[in-house]
Amino acid sequence: MEEKRIKKISPLYFLGYIFGPVILCGLCFLLSYLYFPKGIGAVVLIMGPSFLSFIWWVFGGSFFYKHKVKKFERELDGAGFHRNNTFYGRGKTVMIDEVGGSVGLIFFWNPFQTYVFPASRIQKAWVDDGRGGKGFLEGSSRVSFLFLVDGIKIRVDTFTSNQRWRMDSDYILTGISKADVVVQALNEARKRS
């Protein structure tokens, strides 16, 4: 088990993810302008990197993250970690071993760093239903579960929407139910850690 501090974002990966394709496109545009002002070379140097950058931003990052999650799952399974509960949130994956009392984490913005730690490091776990508004405007657009690990708050969404839903909506109730299950698993792992 590791005692390292949890980092949700790797600044180098974040900057490389955003600006790496931009720099590549800029270099190719400069090469096109200097050496291939017209013709097929210019088209390839301008359109090729632009298309690849678009593909990376839309599909590549999530594909890379899913690959890292699967690799992490294989490593945990090989190490005897019993995944009683695995929740794939948007940008975060939480794996809970209730019997062994440990938790595994991996983040979208820090996929090269994985975390496995005793659940006793979790200070608190709770559900946030996102309730807001008054009267007929009362509702939520996000339901999540949260937990504190060494003072760092980790929020994992179980439901998100770009519109507000009533609190008795099936979407909200399902999100709350999912969050409750994970919080119960985290608390059970804390007891056994």
C-alpha atoms as a PDB file:
ATOM      1  CA  MET A   1       0.000   0.000   0.000  1.00  0.00           C
ATOM      2  CA  GLU A   2       1.179   3.470  -0.783  1.00  0.00           C
ATOM      3  CA  GLU A   3       1.347   6.528   1.439  1.00  0.00           C
ATOM      4  CA  LYS A   4       1.944   9.031  -1.363  1.00  0.00           C
ATOM      5  CA  ARG A   5      -0.146  12.171  -1.590  1.00  0.00           C
ATOM      6  CA  ILE A   6      -2.974  12.071  -4.124  1.00  0.00           C
ATOM      7  CA  LYS A   7      -2.671  14.390  -7.106  1.00  0.00           C
ATOM      8  CA  LYS A   8      -5.774  14.650  -9.280  1.00  0.00           C
ATOM      9  CA  ILE A   9      -4.029  16.617 -12.044  1.00  0.00           C
ATOM     10  CA  SER A  10      -0.582  16.237 -13.541  1.00  0.00           C
ATOM     11  CA  PRO A  11       0.353  19.725 -14.808  1.00  0.00           C
ATOM     12  CA  LEU A  12       2.710  18.366 -17.478  1.00  0.00           C
ATOM     13  CA  TYR A  13       0.108  15.961 -18.868  1.00  0.00           C
ATOM     14  CA  PHE A  14      -2.585  18.645 -18.754  1.00  0.00           C
ATOM     15  CA  LEU A  15      -0.448  21.166 -20.649  1.00  0.00           C
ATOM     16  CA  GLY A  16       0.761  18.515 -23.114  1.00  0.00           C
ATOM     17  CA  TYR A  17      -2.795  17.317 -23.736  1.00  0.00           C
ATOM     18  CA  ILE A  18      -3.992  20.823 -24.548  1.00  0.00           C
ATOM     19  CA  PHE A  19      -0.972  22.528 -26.098  1.00  0.00           C
ATOM     20  CA  GLY A  20       0.936  19.607 -27.657  1.00  0.00           C
ATOM     21  CA  PRO A  21      -1.357  19.403 -30.689  1.00  0.00           C
ATOM     22  CA  VAL A  22      -1.451  23.211 -30.939  1.00  0.00           C
ATOM     23  CA  ILE A  23       2.352  23.390 -31.073  1.00  0.00           C
ATOM     24  CA  LEU A  24       2.477  20.564 -33.628  1.00  0.00           C
ATOM     25  CA  CYS A  25      -0.050  22.377 -35.828  1.00  0.00           C
ATOM     26  CA  GLY A  26       1.889  25.634 -35.501  1.00  0.00           C
ATOM     27  CA  LEU A  27       5.147  23.959 -36.555  1.00  0.00           C
ATOM     28  CA  CYS A  28       3.475  22.296 -39.527  1.00  0.00           C
ATOM     29  CA  PHE A  29       1.835  25.571 -40.583  1.00  0.00           C
ATOM     30  CA  LEU A  30       5.238  27.295 -40.386  1.00  0.00           C
ATOM     31  CA  LEU A  31       6.884  24.533 -42.471  1.00  0.00           C
ATOM     32  CA  SER A  32       4.082  24.786 -44.991  1.00  0.00           C
ATOM     33  CA  TYR A  33       4.449  28.557 -45.221  1.00  0.00           C
ATOM     34  CA  LEU A  34       8.256  28.438 -45.573  1.00  0.00           C
ATOM     35  CA  TYR A  35       8.783  25.426 -47.826  1.00  0.00           C
ATOM     36  CA  PHE A  36       5.471  24.427 -49.412  1.00  0.00           C
ATOM     37  CA  PRO A  37       3.394  27.579 -50.039  1.00  0.00           C
ATOM     38  CA  LYS A  38       1.250  25.778 -52.633  1.00  0.00           C
ATOM     39  CA  GLY A  39       0.386  22.270 -53.685  1.00  0.00           C
ATOM     40  CA  ILE A  40      -0.212  18.946 -52.030  1.00  0.00           C
ATOM     41  CA  GLY A  41       2.573  19.423 -49.464  1.00  0.00           C
ATOM     42  CA  ALA A  42       0.821  22.486 -48.075  1.00  0.00           C
ATOM     43  CA  VAL A  43      -2.497  20.650 -47.872  1.00  0.00           C
ATOM     44  CA  VAL A  44      -0.927  17.692 -46.045  1.00  0.00           C
ATOM     45  CA  LEU A  45       1.007  19.899 -43.608  1.00  0.00           C
ATOM     46  CA  ILE A  46      -2.032  22.016 -42.790  1.00  0.00           C
ATOM     47  CA  MET A  47      -4.879  19.502 -42.834  1.00  0.00           C
ATOM     48  CA  GLY A  48      -3.067  16.429 -41.472  1.00  0.00           C
ATOM     49  CA  PRO A  49      -2.035  17.789 -38.048  1.00  0.00           C
ATOM     50  CA  SER A  50      -5.307  19.706 -37.708  1.00  0.00           C
ATOM     51  CA  PHE A  51      -7.306  16.520 -38.276  1.00  0.00           C
ATOM     52  CA  LEU A  52      -5.089  14.507 -35.920  1.00  0.00           C
ATOM     53  CA  SER A  53      -5.400  17.187 -33.228  1.00  0.00           C
ATOM     54  CA  PHE A  54      -9.172  17.075 -33.528  1.00  0.00           C
ATOM     55  CA  ILE A  55      -9.153  13.272 -33.264  1.00  0.00           C
ATOM     56  CA  TRP A  56      -6.872  13.453 -30.198  1.00  0.00           C
ATOM     57  CA  TRP A  57      -9.041  16.001 -28.377  1.00  0.00           C
ATOM     58  CA  VAL A  58     -12.310  14.217 -29.160  1.00  0.00           C
ATOM     59  CA  PHE A  59     -11.350  10.531 -28.940  1.00  0.00           C
ATOM     60  CA  GLY A  60      -7.669  10.059 -28.104  1.00  0.00           C
ATOM     61  CA  GLY A  61      -7.638  11.257 -24.520  1.00  0.00           C
ATOM     62  CA  SER A  62     -10.570   9.128 -23.437  1.00  0.00           C
ATOM     63  CA  PHE A  63      -9.204   6.093 -25.310  1.00  0.00           C
ATOM     64  CA  PHE A  64      -5.825   6.549 -23.599  1.00  0.00           C
ATOM     65  CA  TYR A  65      -7.491   6.936 -20.179  1.00  0.00           C
ATOM     66  CA  LYS A  66      -9.627   3.798 -20.656  1.00  0.00           C
ATOM     67  CA  HIS A  67      -6.508   1.864 -21.654  1.00  0.00           C
ATOM     68  CA  LYS A  68      -4.758   3.008 -18.471  1.00  0.00           C
ATOM     69  CA  VAL A  69      -7.793   2.035 -16.356  1.00  0.00           C
ATOM     70  CA  LYS A  70      -7.858  -1.485 -17.838  1.00  0.00           C
ATOM     71  CA  LYS A  71      -4.115  -1.844 -17.228  1.00  0.00           C
ATOM     72  CA  PHE A  72      -4.565  -0.690 -13.615  1.00  0.00           C
ATOM     73  CA  GLU A  73      -7.399  -3.192 -13.116  1.00  0.00           C
ATOM     74  CA  ARG A  74      -5.192  -6.032 -14.401  1.00  0.00           C
ATOM     75  CA  GLU A  75      -2.375  -4.964 -12.062  1.00  0.00           C
ATOM     76  CA  LEU A  76      -4.728  -4.869  -9.075  1.00  0.00           C
ATOM     77  CA  ASP A  77      -6.256  -8.245  -9.926  1.00  0.00           C
ATOM     78  CA  GLY A  78      -2.772  -9.719 -10.214  1.00  0.00           C
ATOM     79  CA  ALA A  79      -1.792  -8.270  -6.830  1.00  0.00           C
ATOM     80  CA  GLY A  80      -4.735  -9.909  -5.049  1.00  0.00           C
ATOM     81  CA  PHE A  81      -6.911  -6.802  -4.816  1.00  0.00           C
ATOM     82  CA  HIS A  82     -10.551  -7.978  -4.720  1.00  0.00           C
ATOM     83  CA  ARG A  83     -12.608  -5.406  -6.594  1.00  0.00           C
ATOM     84  CA  ASN A  84     -15.941  -5.665  -4.787  1.00  0.00           C
ATOM     85  CA  ASN A  85     -17.073  -2.354  -6.206  1.00  0.00           C
ATOM     86  CA  THR A  86     -15.726  -0.414  -9.194  1.00  0.00           C
ATOM     87  CA  PHE A  87     -17.243   2.894 -10.218  1.00  0.00           C
ATOM     88  CA  TYR A  88     -16.322   4.459 -13.547  1.00  0.00           C
ATOM     89  CA  GLY A  89     -17.040   8.159 -13.130  1.00  0.00           C
ATOM     90  CA  ARG A  90     -16.369  10.878 -15.632  1.00  0.00           C
ATOM     91  CA  GLY A  91     -12.616  11.354 -15.365  1.00  0.00           C
ATOM     92  CA  LYS A  92     -12.219   9.254 -12.217  1.00  0.00           C
ATOM     93  CA  THR A  93     -12.323   5.529 -11.514  1.00  0.00           C
ATOM     94  CA  VAL A  94     -12.726   4.259  -7.950  1.00  0.00           C
ATOM     95  CA  MET A  95     -12.071   0.602  -7.089  1.00  0.00           C
ATOM     96  CA  ILE A  96     -12.944  -0.668  -3.633  1.00  0.00           C
ATOM     97  CA  ASP A  97     -11.741  -3.830  -1.904  1.00  0.00           C
ATOM     98  CA  GLU A  98     -14.199  -4.129   0.986  1.00  0.00           C
ATOM     99  CA  VAL A  99     -12.619  -7.315   2.351  1.00  0.00           C
ATOM    100  CA  GLY A 100      -9.032  -6.049   2.307  1.00  0.00           C
ATOM    101  CA  GLY A 101     -10.022  -2.519   3.297  1.00  0.00           C
ATOM    102  CA  SER A 102      -8.293  -0.716   0.465  1.00  0.00           C
ATOM    103  CA  VAL A 103      -9.162   1.676  -2.359  1.00  0.00           C
ATOM    104  CA  GLY A 104      -7.686   2.180  -5.816  1.00  0.00           C
ATOM    105  CA  LEU A 105      -7.941   5.463  -7.765  1.00  0.00           C
ATOM    106  CA  ILE A 106      -6.985   6.714 -11.196  1.00  0.00           C
ATOM    107  CA  PHE A 107      -7.743  10.143 -12.683  1.00  0.00           C
ATOM    108  CA  PHE A 108      -8.204  11.302 -16.290  1.00  0.00           C
ATOM    109  CA  TRP A 109      -5.851  14.261 -15.846  1.00  0.00           C
ATOM    110  CA  ASN A 110      -3.190  12.127 -14.124  1.00  0.00           C
ATOM    111  CA  PRO A 111      -3.359   8.723 -15.863  1.00  0.00           C
ATOM    112  CA  PHE A 112       0.307   7.821 -15.319  1.00  0.00           C
ATOM    113  CA  GLN A 113      -0.133   7.835 -11.542  1.00  0.00           C
ATOM    114  CA  THR A 114      -2.327   5.230  -9.867  1.00  0.00           C
ATOM    115  CA  TYR A 115      -3.184   5.144  -6.188  1.00  0.00           C
ATOM    116  CA  VAL A 116      -3.841   2.206  -3.897  1.00  0.00           C
ATOM    117  CA  PHE A 117      -4.223   3.076  -0.235  1.00  0.00           C
ATOM    118  CA  PRO A 118      -5.813   1.714   2.942  1.00  0.00           C
ATOM    119  CA  ALA A 119      -9.393   2.871   3.338  1.00  0.00           C
ATOM    120  CA  SER A 120      -8.522   4.068   6.840  1.00  0.00           C
ATOM    121  CA  ARG A 121      -7.021   7.156   5.167  1.00  0.00           C
ATOM    122  CA  ILE A 122     -10.538   8.178   4.141  1.00  0.00           C
ATOM    123  CA  GLN A 123     -11.705  10.696   6.714  1.00  0.00           C
ATOM    124  CA  LYS A 124     -15.282  11.036   5.478  1.00  0.00           C
ATOM    125  CA  ALA A 125     -17.516   9.776   2.642  1.00  0.00           C
ATOM    126  CA  TRP A 126     -20.900  11.238   1.736  1.00  0.00           C
ATOM    127  CA  VAL A 127     -23.495  11.748  -0.990  1.00  0.00           C
ATOM    128  CA  ASP A 128     -24.234  15.159  -2.508  1.00  0.00           C
ATOM    129  CA  ASP A 129     -27.606  15.253  -4.262  1.00  0.00           C
ATOM    130  CA  GLY A 130     -26.962  18.757  -5.622  1.00  0.00           C
ATOM    131  CA  ARG A 131     -30.319  20.014  -4.398  1.00  0.00           C
ATOM    132  CA  GLY A 132     -30.881  23.669  -5.122  1.00  0.00           C
ATOM    133  CA  GLY A 133     -33.651  26.177  -5.740  1.00  0.00           C
ATOM    134  CA  LYS A 134     -36.882  26.838  -3.893  1.00  0.00           C
ATOM    135  CA  GLY A 135     -40.456  25.733  -4.463  1.00  0.00           C
ATOM    136  CA  PHE A 136     -41.229  24.578  -7.982  1.00  0.00           C
ATOM    137  CA  LEU A 137     -37.649  25.458  -9.051  1.00  0.00           C
ATOM    138  CA  GLU A 138     -36.138  22.974  -6.606  1.00  0.00           C
ATOM    139  CA  GLY A 139     -34.050  20.307  -8.316  1.00  0.00           C
ATOM    140  CA  SER A 140     -30.570  19.177  -9.241  1.00  0.00           C
ATOM    141  CA  SER A 141     -28.340  18.870 -12.259  1.00  0.00           C
ATOM    142  CA  ARG A 142     -25.582  16.857 -10.577  1.00  0.00           C
ATOM    143  CA  VAL A 143     -25.488  13.991  -8.106  1.00  0.00           C
ATOM    144  CA  SER A 144     -22.175  12.726  -6.794  1.00  0.00           C
ATOM    145  CA  PHE A 145     -20.398  10.994  -3.983  1.00  0.00           C
ATOM    146  CA  LEU A 146     -17.462  12.615  -2.273  1.00  0.00           C
ATOM    147  CA  PHE A 147     -14.751  11.448   0.055  1.00  0.00           C
ATOM    148  CA  LEU A 148     -11.813  13.046   1.841  1.00  0.00           C
ATOM    149  CA  VAL A 149      -8.409  11.379   1.661  1.00  0.00           C
ATOM    150  CA  ASP A 150      -5.756  13.153   3.738  1.00  0.00           C
ATOM    151  CA  GLY A 151      -7.710  16.402   3.399  1.00  0.00           C
ATOM    152  CA  ILE A 152      -8.115  16.142  -0.386  1.00  0.00           C
ATOM    153  CA  LYS A 153     -11.731  16.137  -1.543  1.00  0.00           C
ATOM    154  CA  ILE A 154     -12.508  13.750  -4.379  1.00  0.00           C
ATOM    155  CA  ARG A 155     -15.863  14.180  -6.122  1.00  0.00           C
ATOM    156  CA  VAL A 156     -17.165  11.500  -8.478  1.00  0.00           C
ATOM    157  CA  ASP A 157     -20.356  12.266 -10.391  1.00  0.00           C
ATOM    158  CA  THR A 158     -23.043   9.607 -10.641  1.00  0.00           C
ATOM    159  CA  PHE A 159     -25.366  11.848 -12.685  1.00  0.00           C
ATOM    160  CA  THR A 160     -24.829  15.116 -14.537  1.00  0.00           C
ATOM    161  CA  SER A 161     -27.045  17.082 -16.858  1.00  0.00           C
ATOM    162  CA  ASN A 162     -27.120  20.492 -18.480  1.00  0.00           C
ATOM    163  CA  GLN A 163     -30.631  21.037 -17.146  1.00  0.00           C
ATOM    164  CA  ARG A 164     -32.168  20.910 -13.692  1.00  0.00           C
ATOM    165  CA  TRP A 165     -34.280  17.851 -12.853  1.00  0.00           C
ATOM    166  CA  ARG A 166     -36.868  17.531 -10.101  1.00  0.00           C
ATOM    167  CA  MET A 167     -35.692  15.667  -7.019  1.00  0.00           C
ATOM    168  CA  ASP A 168     -38.220  12.886  -7.613  1.00  0.00           C
ATOM    169  CA  SER A 169     -36.971  12.341 -11.181  1.00  0.00           C
ATOM    170  CA  ASP A 170     -35.758   8.833 -12.031  1.00  0.00           C
ATOM    171  CA  TYR A 171     -32.424  10.305 -13.158  1.00  0.00           C
ATOM    172  CA  ILE A 172     -31.796  11.958  -9.795  1.00  0.00           C
ATOM    173  CA  LEU A 173     -33.027   8.977  -7.777  1.00  0.00           C
ATOM    174  CA  THR A 174     -30.830   6.579  -9.775  1.00  0.00           C
ATOM    175  CA  GLY A 175     -27.820   8.858  -9.272  1.00  0.00           C
ATOM    176  CA  ILE A 176     -28.478   9.011  -5.531  1.00  0.00           C
ATOM    177  CA  SER A 177     -28.860   5.234  -5.377  1.00  0.00           C
ATOM    178  CA  LYS A 178     -25.530   4.680  -7.169  1.00  0.00           C
ATOM    179  CA  ALA A 179     -23.796   7.177  -4.894  1.00  0.00           C
ATOM    180  CA  ASP A 180     -25.274   5.517  -1.782  1.00  0.00           C
ATOM    181  CA  VAL A 181     -23.950   2.112  -2.860  1.00  0.00           C
ATOM    182  CA  VAL A 182     -20.411   3.437  -3.319  1.00  0.00           C
ATOM    183  CA  VAL A 183     -20.441   5.390  -0.047  1.00  0.00           C
ATOM    184  CA  GLN A 184     -21.598   2.255   1.804  1.00  0.00           C
ATOM    185  CA  ALA A 185     -18.779   0.277   0.167  1.00  0.00           C
ATOM    186  CA  LEU A 186     -16.232   2.946   1.153  1.00  0.00           C
ATOM    187  CA  ASN A 187     -17.476   2.945   4.744  1.00  0.00           C
ATOM    188  CA  GLU A 188     -17.387  -0.867   4.871  1.00  0.00           C
ATOM    189  CA  ALA A 189     -13.802  -0.814   3.592  1.00  0.00           C
ATOM    190  CA  ARG A 190     -12.927   1.807   6.237  1.00  0.00           C
ATOM    191  CA  LYS A 191     -14.259  -0.488   8.969  1.00  0.00           C
ATOM    192  CA  ARG A 192     -12.130  -3.396   7.763  1.00  0.00           C
ATOM    193  CA  SER A 193      -8.969  -1.409   7.150  1.00  0.00           C
END
